[in-house]
Amino acid sequence: MNRLLNEETSTQIKEMLDEMKMPLTLVYFTKENCENCDLTARLLDEIKSLSDKIILEKYDFAKDSEIFKRYNIIGAPSYVILNHDGLKTGSTFYGVPAGHEINTLLSNLLDVSEAQALYDDALTTKIKAIDKPVNLKVFVTVSCPHCPGAAINASRLAQLNPNITAEVYESQSFYELANKYQVSGVPKIVINETQTLMGNQPVDAFLTAIDKL
């Protein structure tokens, strides 16, 4: 079977992943009759092969439903990332992290591995001070060049504050949910079901919307 990532792309990704500091676990969820699950599994296998700091675990709903419940997984394909202490951190990604969304996956891996500071100290302090439950849903497509920025900000907010949860949905794989939230353009960000943002908004726009909750 041909590889999804050509040699040049694999070399570029390996150079990025070489910046990882701490090991982590990439947890992948699949199920039967899932149109894009095999494709996603192949992509994650190839990414995992490019770094010895990535452990890849795979779970199937038919055999591992309790693990799905543990991480509140509502569909497949999807993934979460556990830090070096085995704790889930950042967002849950639903769909195929291909196209432009491979940038979201790579950023998630670098962020959880503590490759660099996520934001400056003042902004980090402001994010950590949020003391109310916040849920972020970000709808993206693999062809959207502006979507990774919104998805990465949502994941970083969830990584920095346990009061914040984040889910990123690749809209073509989860079209029923995208229809429910009337996604006509991406990225679309839904905050606690009441606030919405459109486009690749800076993190300050997320915080302003959160302040209004």
N, C-alpha and C. Protein backbone atom coordinates (compact mmCIF):
# COMPACT_ATOMS: atom_id res chain seq x y z
N MET A 1 0.85 -1.20 0.00
CA MET A 1 0.00 0.00 0.00
C MET A 1 0.88 1.25 0.00
N ASN A 2 0.59 2.19 -0.88
CA ASN A 2 1.38 3.41 -0.97
C ASN A 2 1.21 4.26 0.28
N ARG A 3 2.29 4.95 0.63
CA ARG A 3 2.23 5.85 1.77
C ARG A 3 1.44 7.10 1.41
N LEU A 4 0.76 7.66 2.41
CA LEU A 4 0.00 8.89 2.20
C LEU A 4 0.91 10.10 2.12
N LEU A 5 2.00 10.08 2.88
CA LEU A 5 2.94 11.20 2.93
C LEU A 5 4.14 10.88 2.06
N ASN A 6 4.43 11.76 1.11
CA ASN A 6 5.60 11.52 0.28
C ASN A 6 6.88 11.79 1.06
N GLU A 7 8.01 11.47 0.47
CA GLU A 7 9.29 11.56 1.17
C GLU A 7 9.60 12.97 1.63
N GLU A 8 9.34 13.95 0.77
CA GLU A 8 9.64 15.34 1.13
C GLU A 8 8.78 15.79 2.31
N THR A 9 7.48 15.48 2.27
CA THR A 9 6.59 15.87 3.36
C THR A 9 6.98 15.15 4.65
N SER A 10 7.31 13.88 4.56
CA SER A 10 7.71 13.12 5.75
C SER A 10 8.95 13.73 6.38
N THR A 11 9.90 14.15 5.55
CA THR A 11 11.13 14.77 6.06
C THR A 11 10.82 16.07 6.79
N GLN A 12 9.93 16.87 6.21
CA GLN A 12 9.55 18.14 6.83
C GLN A 12 8.86 17.91 8.17
N ILE A 13 7.95 16.93 8.21
CA ILE A 13 7.23 16.64 9.45
C ILE A 13 8.18 16.10 10.51
N LYS A 14 9.11 15.24 10.11
CA LYS A 14 10.08 14.71 11.08
C LYS A 14 10.90 15.84 11.69
N GLU A 15 11.30 16.79 10.89
CA GLU A 15 12.08 17.92 11.41
C GLU A 15 11.26 18.71 12.43
N MET A 16 9.95 18.86 12.17
CA MET A 16 9.09 19.54 13.13
C MET A 16 8.98 18.73 14.43
N LEU A 17 8.75 17.44 14.29
CA LEU A 17 8.55 16.60 15.47
C LEU A 17 9.82 16.43 16.28
N ASP A 18 10.96 16.65 15.67
CA ASP A 18 12.22 16.59 16.41
C ASP A 18 12.29 17.66 17.49
N GLU A 19 11.42 18.68 17.40
CA GLU A 19 11.37 19.74 18.41
C GLU A 19 10.62 19.30 19.67
N MET A 20 9.94 18.17 19.63
CA MET A 20 9.20 17.68 20.79
C MET A 20 10.17 17.45 21.96
N LYS A 21 9.71 17.80 23.16
CA LYS A 21 10.55 17.62 24.34
C LYS A 21 10.13 16.42 25.17
N MET A 22 8.85 16.30 25.42
CA MET A 22 8.35 15.23 26.28
C MET A 22 7.59 14.19 25.47
N PRO A 23 7.64 12.93 25.89
CA PRO A 23 6.85 11.90 25.18
C PRO A 23 5.36 12.10 25.44
N LEU A 24 4.54 11.56 24.56
CA LEU A 24 3.10 11.67 24.70
C LEU A 24 2.43 10.45 24.08
N THR A 25 1.14 10.34 24.31
CA THR A 25 0.37 9.24 23.74
C THR A 25 -0.74 9.80 22.88
N LEU A 26 -0.77 9.38 21.64
CA LEU A 26 -1.81 9.75 20.69
C LEU A 26 -2.84 8.62 20.71
N VAL A 27 -4.06 8.93 21.14
CA VAL A 27 -5.09 7.91 21.32
C VAL A 27 -6.11 8.06 20.19
N TYR A 28 -6.23 7.01 19.38
CA TYR A 28 -7.07 7.04 18.19
C TYR A 28 -8.29 6.15 18.41
N PHE A 29 -9.46 6.66 17.98
CA PHE A 29 -10.72 5.95 18.15
C PHE A 29 -11.34 5.63 16.78
N THR A 30 -11.79 4.38 16.64
CA THR A 30 -12.40 3.94 15.40
C THR A 30 -13.66 3.14 15.69
N LYS A 31 -14.40 2.81 14.66
CA LYS A 31 -15.59 1.98 14.82
C LYS A 31 -15.93 1.36 13.47
N GLU A 32 -16.85 0.40 13.48
CA GLU A 32 -17.27 -0.25 12.24
C GLU A 32 -18.06 0.72 11.36
N ASN A 33 -18.04 0.43 10.08
CA ASN A 33 -18.80 1.23 9.10
C ASN A 33 -18.47 2.71 9.18
N CYS A 34 -17.19 2.99 9.35
CA CYS A 34 -16.70 4.37 9.46
C CYS A 34 -15.95 4.70 8.18
N GLU A 35 -16.48 5.64 7.43
CA GLU A 35 -15.97 5.90 6.09
C GLU A 35 -14.50 6.29 6.07
N ASN A 36 -14.07 7.11 7.02
CA ASN A 36 -12.70 7.65 6.97
C ASN A 36 -11.77 7.09 8.05
N CYS A 37 -12.21 6.06 8.76
CA CYS A 37 -11.40 5.55 9.87
C CYS A 37 -10.10 4.91 9.40
N ASP A 38 -10.16 4.11 8.36
CA ASP A 38 -8.94 3.46 7.86
C ASP A 38 -7.94 4.48 7.36
N LEU A 39 -8.42 5.48 6.64
CA LEU A 39 -7.54 6.54 6.14
C LEU A 39 -6.87 7.27 7.29
N THR A 40 -7.64 7.58 8.32
CA THR A 40 -7.08 8.29 9.46
C THR A 40 -6.06 7.43 10.19
N ALA A 41 -6.35 6.14 10.35
CA ALA A 41 -5.41 5.23 11.02
C ALA A 41 -4.09 5.17 10.25
N ARG A 42 -4.16 5.10 8.93
CA ARG A 42 -2.93 5.06 8.12
C ARG A 42 -2.12 6.34 8.30
N LEU A 43 -2.81 7.48 8.32
CA LEU A 43 -2.10 8.75 8.48
C LEU A 43 -1.43 8.83 9.84
N LEU A 44 -2.12 8.43 10.89
CA LEU A 44 -1.54 8.48 12.22
C LEU A 44 -0.39 7.51 12.37
N ASP A 45 -0.48 6.35 11.74
CA ASP A 45 0.64 5.40 11.74
C ASP A 45 1.89 6.04 11.13
N GLU A 46 1.70 6.74 10.02
CA GLU A 46 2.83 7.37 9.36
C GLU A 46 3.42 8.49 10.21
N ILE A 47 2.57 9.28 10.85
CA ILE A 47 3.06 10.34 11.74
C ILE A 47 3.83 9.74 12.91
N LYS A 48 3.28 8.71 13.52
CA LYS A 48 3.92 8.06 14.66
C LYS A 48 5.32 7.54 14.30
N SER A 49 5.46 7.04 13.07
CA SER A 49 6.75 6.47 12.65
C SER A 49 7.85 7.51 12.54
N LEU A 50 7.49 8.79 12.58
CA LEU A 50 8.46 9.86 12.39
C LEU A 50 9.02 10.40 13.70
N SER A 51 8.56 9.88 14.84
CA SER A 51 9.07 10.35 16.14
C SER A 51 9.02 9.23 17.16
N ASP A 52 10.11 9.03 17.87
CA ASP A 52 10.13 8.02 18.93
C ASP A 52 9.51 8.54 20.22
N LYS A 53 9.04 9.78 20.22
CA LYS A 53 8.37 10.34 21.40
C LYS A 53 6.85 10.15 21.35
N ILE A 54 6.35 9.58 20.27
CA ILE A 54 4.91 9.38 20.12
C ILE A 54 4.56 7.91 20.31
N ILE A 55 3.68 7.64 21.27
CA ILE A 55 3.07 6.32 21.43
C ILE A 55 1.68 6.41 20.83
N LEU A 56 1.32 5.45 19.99
CA LEU A 56 0.01 5.45 19.34
C LEU A 56 -0.81 4.29 19.88
N GLU A 57 -1.97 4.62 20.47
CA GLU A 57 -2.92 3.60 20.93
C GLU A 57 -4.18 3.69 20.08
N LYS A 58 -4.76 2.52 19.75
CA LYS A 58 -5.95 2.48 18.92
C LYS A 58 -7.05 1.72 19.65
N TYR A 59 -8.26 2.29 19.61
CA TYR A 59 -9.40 1.66 20.28
C TYR A 59 -10.60 1.61 19.34
N ASP A 60 -11.30 0.49 19.40
CA ASP A 60 -12.49 0.26 18.59
C ASP A 60 -13.72 0.25 19.49
N PHE A 61 -14.77 0.95 19.06
CA PHE A 61 -15.95 1.09 19.92
C PHE A 61 -16.55 -0.25 20.30
N ALA A 62 -16.54 -1.22 19.39
CA ALA A 62 -17.17 -2.51 19.67
C ALA A 62 -16.46 -3.24 20.81
N LYS A 63 -15.16 -3.03 20.95
CA LYS A 63 -14.37 -3.74 21.96
C LYS A 63 -13.98 -2.87 23.14
N ASP A 64 -13.95 -1.56 22.94
CA ASP A 64 -13.38 -0.67 23.95
C ASP A 64 -14.32 0.47 24.31
N SER A 65 -15.61 0.17 24.45
CA SER A 65 -16.59 1.24 24.68
C SER A 65 -16.31 2.00 25.97
N GLU A 66 -15.74 1.33 26.98
CA GLU A 66 -15.46 2.02 28.24
C GLU A 66 -14.40 3.10 28.06
N ILE A 67 -13.46 2.86 27.17
CA ILE A 67 -12.43 3.88 26.91
C ILE A 67 -13.03 5.05 26.15
N PHE A 68 -13.97 4.77 25.25
CA PHE A 68 -14.70 5.85 24.59
C PHE A 68 -15.40 6.72 25.64
N LYS A 69 -16.03 6.09 26.62
CA LYS A 69 -16.74 6.82 27.67
C LYS A 69 -15.77 7.64 28.52
N ARG A 70 -14.61 7.05 28.79
CA ARG A 70 -13.63 7.72 29.64
C ARG A 70 -13.25 9.09 29.08
N TYR A 71 -13.14 9.16 27.76
CA TYR A 71 -12.72 10.40 27.13
C TYR A 71 -13.88 11.14 26.45
N ASN A 72 -15.11 10.72 26.74
CA ASN A 72 -16.31 11.38 26.21
C ASN A 72 -16.30 11.46 24.69
N ILE A 73 -15.91 10.37 24.05
CA ILE A 73 -15.83 10.33 22.60
C ILE A 73 -17.21 10.03 22.02
N ILE A 74 -17.67 10.88 21.11
CA ILE A 74 -19.02 10.73 20.56
C ILE A 74 -19.02 10.20 19.13
N GLY A 75 -17.86 10.01 18.54
CA GLY A 75 -17.83 9.52 17.16
C GLY A 75 -16.42 9.19 16.72
N ALA A 76 -16.31 8.67 15.51
CA ALA A 76 -15.02 8.29 14.95
C ALA A 76 -15.03 8.58 13.45
N PRO A 77 -13.83 8.81 12.89
CA PRO A 77 -12.52 8.78 13.52
C PRO A 77 -12.32 10.00 14.42
N SER A 78 -11.51 9.80 15.46
CA SER A 78 -11.22 10.89 16.38
C SER A 78 -9.94 10.58 17.13
N TYR A 79 -9.37 11.60 17.73
CA TYR A 79 -8.18 11.38 18.55
C TYR A 79 -8.13 12.37 19.70
N VAL A 80 -7.45 11.95 20.76
CA VAL A 80 -7.05 12.83 21.85
C VAL A 80 -5.57 12.60 22.10
N ILE A 81 -4.96 13.51 22.84
CA ILE A 81 -3.54 13.37 23.15
C ILE A 81 -3.37 13.41 24.67
N LEU A 82 -2.60 12.46 25.19
CA LEU A 82 -2.27 12.40 26.61
C LEU A 82 -0.84 12.88 26.80
N ASN A 83 -0.63 13.68 27.82
CA ASN A 83 0.72 14.17 28.07
C ASN A 83 1.60 13.09 28.72
N HIS A 84 2.80 13.46 29.11
CA HIS A 84 3.74 12.47 29.64
C HIS A 84 3.28 11.88 30.97
N ASP A 85 2.31 12.53 31.62
CA ASP A 85 1.73 11.99 32.86
C ASP A 85 0.49 11.15 32.58
N GLY A 86 0.15 10.97 31.30
CA GLY A 86 -1.02 10.17 30.94
C GLY A 86 -2.33 10.91 31.07
N LEU A 87 -2.30 12.24 31.13
CA LEU A 87 -3.50 13.04 31.29
C LEU A 87 -3.90 13.65 29.95
N LYS A 88 -5.21 13.59 29.64
CA LYS A 88 -5.70 14.21 28.41
C LYS A 88 -5.53 15.72 28.51
N THR A 89 -5.03 16.30 27.45
CA THR A 89 -4.86 17.74 27.44
C THR A 89 -5.12 18.26 26.02
N GLY A 90 -5.67 19.46 25.94
CA GLY A 90 -6.00 20.01 24.63
C GLY A 90 -7.37 19.57 24.16
N SER A 91 -7.57 19.58 22.85
CA SER A 91 -8.87 19.32 22.27
C SER A 91 -9.05 17.86 21.90
N THR A 92 -10.31 17.50 21.60
CA THR A 92 -10.62 16.25 20.93
C THR A 92 -10.86 16.58 19.47
N PHE A 93 -10.18 15.87 18.58
CA PHE A 93 -10.33 16.13 17.15
C PHE A 93 -11.17 15.03 16.54
N TYR A 94 -12.22 15.43 15.82
CA TYR A 94 -13.11 14.49 15.15
C TYR A 94 -12.96 14.65 13.64
N GLY A 95 -12.66 13.54 12.95
CA GLY A 95 -12.54 13.57 11.51
C GLY A 95 -11.13 13.21 11.06
N VAL A 96 -10.83 13.54 9.83
CA VAL A 96 -9.54 13.22 9.23
C VAL A 96 -8.61 14.43 9.33
N PRO A 97 -7.50 14.33 10.05
CA PRO A 97 -6.57 15.46 10.16
C PRO A 97 -5.65 15.53 8.95
N ALA A 98 -6.26 15.64 7.77
CA ALA A 98 -5.51 15.68 6.52
C ALA A 98 -5.63 17.07 5.91
N GLY A 99 -5.05 17.26 4.72
CA GLY A 99 -5.08 18.58 4.11
C GLY A 99 -4.46 19.61 5.04
N HIS A 100 -5.09 20.75 5.15
CA HIS A 100 -4.57 21.79 6.05
C HIS A 100 -4.66 21.37 7.51
N GLU A 101 -5.56 20.45 7.82
CA GLU A 101 -5.72 20.05 9.22
C GLU A 101 -4.59 19.19 9.75
N ILE A 102 -3.67 18.77 8.89
CA ILE A 102 -2.49 18.11 9.42
C ILE A 102 -1.68 19.08 10.26
N ASN A 103 -1.82 20.38 9.96
CA ASN A 103 -1.14 21.40 10.76
C ASN A 103 -1.70 21.46 12.18
N THR A 104 -3.01 21.25 12.30
CA THR A 104 -3.61 21.18 13.63
C THR A 104 -3.05 20.01 14.42
N LEU A 105 -2.98 18.84 13.79
CA LEU A 105 -2.43 17.66 14.45
C LEU A 105 -0.99 17.89 14.88
N LEU A 106 -0.16 18.40 13.99
CA LEU A 106 1.25 18.60 14.33
C LEU A 106 1.41 19.63 15.44
N SER A 107 0.62 20.69 15.40
CA SER A 107 0.67 21.68 16.47
C SER A 107 0.23 21.08 17.80
N ASN A 108 -0.84 20.27 17.77
CA ASN A 108 -1.29 19.59 18.99
C ASN A 108 -0.17 18.76 19.59
N LEU A 109 0.54 18.02 18.76
CA LEU A 109 1.63 17.17 19.24
C LEU A 109 2.75 18.01 19.85
N LEU A 110 3.14 19.07 19.17
CA LEU A 110 4.21 19.93 19.68
C LEU A 110 3.80 20.61 20.98
N ASP A 111 2.55 21.09 21.03
CA ASP A 111 2.07 21.78 22.23
C ASP A 111 2.06 20.85 23.44
N VAL A 112 1.50 19.66 23.27
CA VAL A 112 1.41 18.74 24.41
C VAL A 112 2.79 18.25 24.84
N SER A 113 3.72 18.20 23.90
CA SER A 113 5.07 17.76 24.24
C SER A 113 5.91 18.86 24.86
N GLU A 114 5.29 20.03 25.05
CA GLU A 114 5.94 21.17 25.70
C GLU A 114 7.14 21.67 24.90
N ALA A 115 6.96 21.69 23.57
CA ALA A 115 8.05 22.15 22.70
C ALA A 115 8.33 23.64 22.88
N GLN A 116 7.29 24.41 23.24
CA GLN A 116 7.46 25.85 23.41
C GLN A 116 6.30 26.39 24.23
N ALA A 117 6.47 27.62 24.72
CA ALA A 117 5.38 28.28 25.43
C ALA A 117 4.23 28.54 24.46
N LEU A 118 3.00 28.34 24.93
CA LEU A 118 1.85 28.50 24.04
C LEU A 118 1.55 29.97 23.77
N TYR A 119 1.58 30.79 24.83
CA TYR A 119 1.36 32.23 24.71
C TYR A 119 2.32 32.93 25.67
N ASP A 120 2.34 34.26 25.61
CA ASP A 120 3.19 34.99 26.55
C ASP A 120 2.60 34.91 27.96
N ASP A 121 3.38 35.31 28.94
CA ASP A 121 3.00 35.14 30.34
C ASP A 121 1.71 35.86 30.69
N ALA A 122 1.54 37.08 30.19
CA ALA A 122 0.35 37.86 30.53
C ALA A 122 -0.92 37.19 30.00
N LEU A 123 -0.86 36.72 28.77
CA LEU A 123 -2.02 36.07 28.17
C LEU A 123 -2.29 34.73 28.84
N THR A 124 -1.25 34.00 29.15
CA THR A 124 -1.41 32.71 29.84
C THR A 124 -2.08 32.90 31.20
N THR A 125 -1.67 33.93 31.93
CA THR A 125 -2.27 34.22 33.23
C THR A 125 -3.76 34.53 33.08
N LYS A 126 -4.11 35.29 32.04
CA LYS A 126 -5.51 35.64 31.80
C LYS A 126 -6.34 34.40 31.48
N ILE A 127 -5.78 33.49 30.69
CA ILE A 127 -6.50 32.27 30.33
C ILE A 127 -6.69 31.39 31.56
N LYS A 128 -5.66 31.27 32.37
CA LYS A 128 -5.75 30.41 33.55
C LYS A 128 -6.70 30.96 34.61
N ALA A 129 -7.04 32.24 34.51
CA ALA A 129 -7.93 32.85 35.50
C ALA A 129 -9.41 32.59 35.21
N ILE A 130 -9.72 32.03 34.04
CA ILE A 130 -11.13 31.74 33.70
C ILE A 130 -11.67 30.71 34.67
N ASP A 131 -12.74 31.07 35.39
CA ASP A 131 -13.22 30.22 36.49
C ASP A 131 -14.63 29.68 36.26
N LYS A 132 -15.05 29.62 35.00
CA LYS A 132 -16.38 29.08 34.69
C LYS A 132 -16.23 28.03 33.59
N PRO A 133 -17.16 27.09 33.51
CA PRO A 133 -17.07 26.06 32.48
C PRO A 133 -17.29 26.65 31.09
N VAL A 134 -16.40 26.31 30.18
CA VAL A 134 -16.46 26.82 28.81
C VAL A 134 -16.26 25.64 27.87
N ASN A 135 -17.15 25.53 26.89
CA ASN A 135 -17.00 24.53 25.85
C ASN A 135 -16.83 25.21 24.51
N LEU A 136 -15.81 24.81 23.79
CA LEU A 136 -15.52 25.35 22.47
C LEU A 136 -15.71 24.27 21.42
N LYS A 137 -16.51 24.55 20.42
CA LYS A 137 -16.65 23.67 19.27
C LYS A 137 -16.15 24.44 18.05
N VAL A 138 -15.20 23.85 17.34
CA VAL A 138 -14.64 24.49 16.15
C VAL A 138 -14.90 23.60 14.95
N PHE A 139 -15.57 24.14 13.95
CA PHE A 139 -15.87 23.39 12.73
C PHE A 139 -14.90 23.81 11.63
N VAL A 140 -14.28 22.82 11.00
CA VAL A 140 -13.23 23.06 10.02
C VAL A 140 -13.46 22.18 8.79
N THR A 141 -12.71 22.43 7.73
CA THR A 141 -12.62 21.52 6.60
C THR A 141 -11.15 21.35 6.25
N VAL A 142 -10.82 20.25 5.60
CA VAL A 142 -9.42 19.98 5.28
C VAL A 142 -8.89 20.93 4.20
N SER A 143 -9.79 21.56 3.44
CA SER A 143 -9.36 22.47 2.37
C SER A 143 -9.25 23.92 2.81
N CYS A 144 -9.53 24.19 4.07
CA CYS A 144 -9.56 25.57 4.59
C CYS A 144 -8.21 25.96 5.18
N PRO A 145 -7.48 26.90 4.55
CA PRO A 145 -6.17 27.28 5.07
C PRO A 145 -6.21 28.07 6.36
N HIS A 146 -7.37 28.65 6.69
CA HIS A 146 -7.48 29.48 7.89
C HIS A 146 -7.98 28.69 9.10
N CYS A 147 -8.42 27.47 8.88
CA CYS A 147 -9.03 26.70 9.98
C CYS A 147 -8.05 26.25 11.06
N PRO A 148 -6.82 25.84 10.71
CA PRO A 148 -5.93 25.39 11.78
C PRO A 148 -5.69 26.43 12.86
N GLY A 149 -5.64 27.69 12.51
CA GLY A 149 -5.42 28.72 13.52
C GLY A 149 -6.49 28.71 14.59
N ALA A 150 -7.76 28.61 14.18
CA ALA A 150 -8.86 28.56 15.14
C ALA A 150 -8.82 27.28 15.95
N ALA A 151 -8.56 26.16 15.29
CA ALA A 151 -8.51 24.88 15.99
C ALA A 151 -7.37 24.83 17.00
N ILE A 152 -6.23 25.40 16.65
CA ILE A 152 -5.07 25.39 17.54
C ILE A 152 -5.33 26.28 18.75
N ASN A 153 -5.93 27.46 18.55
CA ASN A 153 -6.24 28.32 19.70
C ASN A 153 -7.20 27.64 20.66
N ALA A 154 -8.22 26.98 20.14
CA ALA A 154 -9.18 26.29 21.01
C ALA A 154 -8.48 25.21 21.83
N SER A 155 -7.61 24.45 21.17
CA SER A 155 -6.90 23.38 21.86
C SER A 155 -5.99 23.94 22.94
N ARG A 156 -5.31 25.02 22.64
CA ARG A 156 -4.39 25.61 23.63
C ARG A 156 -5.15 26.16 24.83
N LEU A 157 -6.31 26.75 24.60
CA LEU A 157 -7.12 27.23 25.72
C LEU A 157 -7.49 26.07 26.64
N ALA A 158 -7.89 24.95 26.05
CA ALA A 158 -8.26 23.78 26.85
C ALA A 158 -7.05 23.19 27.55
N GLN A 159 -5.90 23.28 26.91
CA GLN A 159 -4.68 22.76 27.53
C GLN A 159 -4.28 23.57 28.76
N LEU A 160 -4.51 24.87 28.71
CA LEU A 160 -4.06 25.74 29.79
C LEU A 160 -5.05 25.85 30.95
N ASN A 161 -6.32 25.52 30.72
CA ASN A 161 -7.31 25.70 31.78
C ASN A 161 -8.27 24.51 31.80
N PRO A 162 -8.32 23.77 32.90
CA PRO A 162 -9.21 22.60 32.97
C PRO A 162 -10.69 22.95 32.95
N ASN A 163 -11.04 24.23 33.14
CA ASN A 163 -12.44 24.63 33.02
C ASN A 163 -12.90 24.71 31.56
N ILE A 164 -11.96 24.63 30.64
CA ILE A 164 -12.27 24.77 29.22
C ILE A 164 -12.14 23.41 28.54
N THR A 165 -13.15 23.03 27.78
CA THR A 165 -13.08 21.85 26.93
C THR A 165 -13.21 22.30 25.48
N ALA A 166 -12.59 21.54 24.59
CA ALA A 166 -12.60 21.93 23.18
C ALA A 166 -12.75 20.70 22.30
N GLU A 167 -13.55 20.85 21.25
CA GLU A 167 -13.70 19.82 20.23
C GLU A 167 -13.56 20.47 18.87
N VAL A 168 -12.82 19.81 18.01
CA VAL A 168 -12.67 20.27 16.63
C VAL A 168 -13.33 19.23 15.73
N TYR A 169 -14.21 19.69 14.86
CA TYR A 169 -14.95 18.79 13.99
C TYR A 169 -14.61 19.08 12.53
N GLU A 170 -14.11 18.06 11.84
CA GLU A 170 -13.90 18.14 10.40
C GLU A 170 -15.28 17.95 9.77
N SER A 171 -15.81 19.01 9.21
CA SER A 171 -17.23 19.09 8.90
C SER A 171 -17.71 18.06 7.89
N GLN A 172 -16.86 17.66 6.96
CA GLN A 172 -17.30 16.71 5.95
C GLN A 172 -17.52 15.32 6.55
N SER A 173 -16.70 14.95 7.53
CA SER A 173 -16.89 13.66 8.20
C SER A 173 -18.06 13.72 9.18
N PHE A 174 -18.32 14.90 9.74
CA PHE A 174 -19.38 15.06 10.73
C PHE A 174 -20.40 16.08 10.22
N TYR A 175 -20.92 15.79 9.02
CA TYR A 175 -21.79 16.75 8.35
C TYR A 175 -23.12 16.93 9.07
N GLU A 176 -23.62 15.88 9.75
CA GLU A 176 -24.89 16.02 10.47
C GLU A 176 -24.75 17.03 11.60
N LEU A 177 -23.64 16.96 12.32
CA LEU A 177 -23.41 17.92 13.40
C LEU A 177 -23.17 19.32 12.82
N ALA A 178 -22.44 19.38 11.72
CA ALA A 178 -22.23 20.68 11.07
C ALA A 178 -23.55 21.29 10.64
N ASN A 179 -24.47 20.47 10.13
CA ASN A 179 -25.79 20.98 9.75
C ASN A 179 -26.56 21.46 10.98
N LYS A 180 -26.46 20.72 12.08
CA LYS A 180 -27.15 21.11 13.31
C LYS A 180 -26.72 22.50 13.75
N TYR A 181 -25.42 22.79 13.61
CA TYR A 181 -24.90 24.09 14.04
C TYR A 181 -24.85 25.10 12.90
N GLN A 182 -25.55 24.77 11.81
CA GLN A 182 -25.72 25.69 10.67
C GLN A 182 -24.38 26.24 10.17
N VAL A 183 -23.47 25.31 9.95
CA VAL A 183 -22.14 25.70 9.48
C VAL A 183 -22.21 25.94 7.97
N SER A 184 -22.14 27.20 7.59
CA SER A 184 -22.14 27.55 6.18
C SER A 184 -20.79 28.08 5.73
N GLY A 185 -19.92 28.33 6.68
CA GLY A 185 -18.55 28.77 6.40
C GLY A 185 -17.65 28.32 7.54
N VAL A 186 -16.37 28.18 7.23
CA VAL A 186 -15.42 27.72 8.24
C VAL A 186 -14.19 28.62 8.24
N PRO A 187 -13.49 28.66 9.39
CA PRO A 187 -13.86 28.02 10.65
C PRO A 187 -15.02 28.72 11.33
N LYS A 188 -15.88 27.92 11.94
CA LYS A 188 -16.95 28.44 12.78
C LYS A 188 -16.71 27.95 14.20
N ILE A 189 -16.78 28.87 15.15
CA ILE A 189 -16.50 28.56 16.55
C ILE A 189 -17.77 28.80 17.35
N VAL A 190 -18.19 27.80 18.09
CA VAL A 190 -19.38 27.90 18.94
C VAL A 190 -18.93 27.78 20.40
N ILE A 191 -19.31 28.76 21.20
CA ILE A 191 -18.87 28.82 22.59
C ILE A 191 -20.07 28.68 23.51
N ASN A 192 -20.09 27.61 24.26
CA ASN A 192 -21.19 27.33 25.20
C ASN A 192 -22.57 27.42 24.54
N GLU A 193 -22.62 27.07 23.28
CA GLU A 193 -23.89 27.01 22.54
C GLU A 193 -24.54 28.37 22.33
N THR A 194 -23.92 29.44 22.81
CA THR A 194 -24.59 30.75 22.75
C THR A 194 -23.79 31.79 21.97
N GLN A 195 -22.47 31.75 22.04
CA GLN A 195 -21.64 32.71 21.33
C GLN A 195 -21.04 32.05 20.10
N THR A 196 -20.94 32.77 19.00
CA THR A 196 -20.31 32.23 17.80
C THR A 196 -19.28 33.23 17.27
N LEU A 197 -18.22 32.69 16.70
CA LEU A 197 -17.21 33.47 16.02
C LEU A 197 -16.99 32.85 14.66
N MET A 198 -16.68 33.67 13.67
CA MET A 198 -16.39 33.18 12.34
C MET A 198 -14.97 33.59 11.96
N GLY A 199 -14.28 32.69 11.29
CA GLY A 199 -12.95 32.99 10.79
C GLY A 199 -11.86 32.65 11.78
N ASN A 200 -10.63 32.82 11.34
CA ASN A 200 -9.46 32.53 12.17
C ASN A 200 -9.22 33.69 13.13
N GLN A 201 -9.99 33.66 14.22
CA GLN A 201 -9.94 34.75 15.19
C GLN A 201 -8.72 34.62 16.10
N PRO A 202 -8.13 35.75 16.51
CA PRO A 202 -7.04 35.68 17.48
C PRO A 202 -7.57 35.20 18.82
N VAL A 203 -6.68 34.75 19.67
CA VAL A 203 -7.12 34.21 20.95
C VAL A 203 -7.83 35.27 21.78
N ASP A 204 -7.49 36.54 21.60
CA ASP A 204 -8.17 37.62 22.34
C ASP A 204 -9.66 37.64 22.02
N ALA A 205 -10.03 37.29 20.78
CA ALA A 205 -11.45 37.25 20.41
C ALA A 205 -12.16 36.12 21.14
N PHE A 206 -11.47 34.99 21.33
CA PHE A 206 -12.04 33.91 22.14
C PHE A 206 -12.31 34.41 23.56
N LEU A 207 -11.34 35.10 24.13
CA LEU A 207 -11.46 35.55 25.52
C LEU A 207 -12.57 36.59 25.66
N THR A 208 -12.70 37.47 24.68
CA THR A 208 -13.76 38.48 24.73
C THR A 208 -15.13 37.81 24.72
N ALA A 209 -15.29 36.78 23.86
CA ALA A 209 -16.57 36.06 23.80
C ALA A 209 -16.82 35.30 25.10
N ILE A 210 -15.79 34.72 25.67
CA ILE A 210 -15.93 33.99 26.94
C ILE A 210 -16.34 34.94 28.06
N ASP A 211 -15.80 36.15 28.05
CA ASP A 211 -16.17 37.14 29.07
C ASP A 211 -17.66 37.47 29.03
N LYS A 212 -18.29 37.31 27.88
CA LYS A 212 -19.71 37.66 27.73
C LYS A 212 -20.65 36.56 28.20
N LEU A 213 -20.11 35.39 28.52
CA LEU A 213 -20.97 34.27 28.91
C LEU A 213 -21.64 34.54 30.25
